[in-house]
Amino acid sequence: TSSAGLGVLALGKPLVVVNLSEQRSRNIYAGGKAVLSASSSKEVKDAVNSLEDKKILKDLEGNTKEFLKETIYSLDGKASLRVVDLIKNLIRKV
């Protein structure tokens, strides 16, 4: 699932998204550069093997940081405080 994948990325681990069905699922990683994608058993093998390439891992790491910043903003545990502050600011403007 997408939340399991986010957990993997948040821990700084590479992620291979596998879609072996003929249906193209919509997922938050589609078209992104933060994950490796595979749609056949050969592509899965190639993706796993590519994780031995330090350049690919470095590229994934940088892309993952940007993806996480855009997707979940911060892992500082203060999301609820930011929401409360946002609501208070909206109330003040009314």
Protein backbone atom coordinates (compact mmCIF):
# COMPACT_ATOMS: atom_id res chain seq x y z
CA THR A 1 0.00 0.00 0.00
CA SER A 2 1.05 3.58 -0.36
CA SER A 3 1.37 4.09 3.41
CA ALA A 4 3.66 1.05 3.72
CA GLY A 5 5.77 2.44 0.89
CA LEU A 6 5.97 5.84 2.58
CA GLY A 7 7.22 4.11 5.70
CA VAL A 8 9.95 2.38 3.72
CA LEU A 9 11.01 5.66 2.11
CA ALA A 10 10.86 7.53 5.43
CA LEU A 11 13.33 5.00 6.84
CA GLY A 12 15.69 5.80 3.98
CA LYS A 13 15.33 2.45 2.26
CA PRO A 14 14.95 1.98 -1.50
CA LEU A 15 11.52 0.94 -2.75
CA VAL A 16 10.61 -1.18 -5.75
CA VAL A 17 6.95 -0.74 -6.72
CA VAL A 18 5.68 -3.86 -8.47
CA ASN A 19 2.55 -3.89 -10.62
CA LEU A 20 2.24 -7.23 -12.37
CA SER A 21 -1.39 -6.78 -13.36
CA GLU A 22 -2.42 -5.41 -16.72
CA GLN A 23 -4.29 -2.63 -14.99
CA ARG A 24 -2.32 0.48 -14.39
CA SER A 25 -3.03 1.38 -10.81
CA ARG A 26 -2.92 4.96 -9.71
CA ASN A 27 -0.47 5.31 -6.92
CA ILE A 28 1.37 8.17 -5.34
CA TYR A 29 4.67 6.96 -6.78
CA ALA A 30 3.57 6.81 -10.42
CA GLY A 31 6.02 8.59 -12.66
CA GLY A 32 8.20 9.50 -9.73
CA LYS A 33 11.94 9.18 -9.48
CA ALA A 34 11.97 8.20 -5.80
CA VAL A 35 11.19 4.55 -6.47
CA LEU A 36 12.06 1.85 -8.95
CA SER A 37 9.06 0.48 -10.84
CA ALA A 38 8.55 -2.97 -12.29
CA SER A 39 5.72 -4.50 -14.31
CA SER A 40 7.20 -7.91 -15.12
CA SER A 41 9.26 -10.50 -13.32
CA LYS A 42 12.28 -9.51 -15.44
CA GLU A 43 11.86 -5.86 -14.43
CA VAL A 44 11.64 -6.89 -10.76
CA LYS A 45 14.92 -8.78 -11.11
CA ASP A 46 16.54 -5.85 -12.94
CA ALA A 47 15.30 -3.37 -10.32
CA VAL A 48 16.62 -5.45 -7.43
CA ASN A 49 19.96 -5.92 -9.19
CA SER A 50 20.20 -2.19 -9.87
CA LEU A 51 20.17 -1.56 -6.11
CA GLU A 52 23.81 -2.65 -6.10
CA ASP A 53 24.71 0.41 -8.19
CA LYS A 54 25.85 3.21 -5.85
CA LYS A 55 24.95 5.94 -8.35
CA ILE A 56 21.38 4.65 -8.63
CA LEU A 57 21.12 4.48 -4.83
CA LYS A 58 22.45 8.04 -4.49
CA ASP A 59 19.98 9.31 -7.11
CA LEU A 60 17.12 7.51 -5.36
CA GLU A 61 18.15 8.97 -2.02
CA GLY A 62 18.07 12.55 -3.33
CA ASN A 63 14.81 12.01 -5.18
CA THR A 64 13.28 10.36 -2.12
CA LYS A 65 14.09 13.35 0.10
CA GLU A 66 12.36 15.68 -2.35
CA PHE A 67 9.40 13.31 -2.74
CA LEU A 68 8.94 13.02 1.03
CA LYS A 69 9.17 16.79 1.47
CA GLU A 70 6.44 17.29 -1.14
CA THR A 71 4.29 14.40 0.08
CA ILE A 72 4.47 14.45 3.87
CA TYR A 73 6.44 17.65 4.49
CA SER A 74 8.13 16.69 7.75
CA LEU A 75 8.64 13.74 10.03
CA ASP A 76 9.10 15.88 13.13
CA GLY A 77 5.94 14.69 14.88
CA LYS A 78 4.43 18.18 14.88
CA ALA A 79 1.79 17.77 12.16
CA SER A 80 -1.08 18.19 14.65
CA LEU A 81 0.44 21.41 15.99
CA ARG A 82 0.73 22.78 12.47
CA VAL A 83 -2.93 21.93 11.79
CA VAL A 84 -4.03 23.62 15.03
CA ASP A 85 -2.01 26.73 14.15
CA LEU A 86 -3.52 26.77 10.67
CA ILE A 87 -7.07 26.50 12.06
CA LYS A 88 -6.39 29.29 14.60
CA ASN A 89 -5.08 31.53 11.82
CA LEU A 90 -8.13 30.82 9.69
CA ILE A 91 -10.45 31.63 12.61
CA ARG A 92 -8.66 34.95 13.23
CA LYS A 93 -9.21 35.95 9.61
CA VAL A 94 -12.99 35.40 9.82
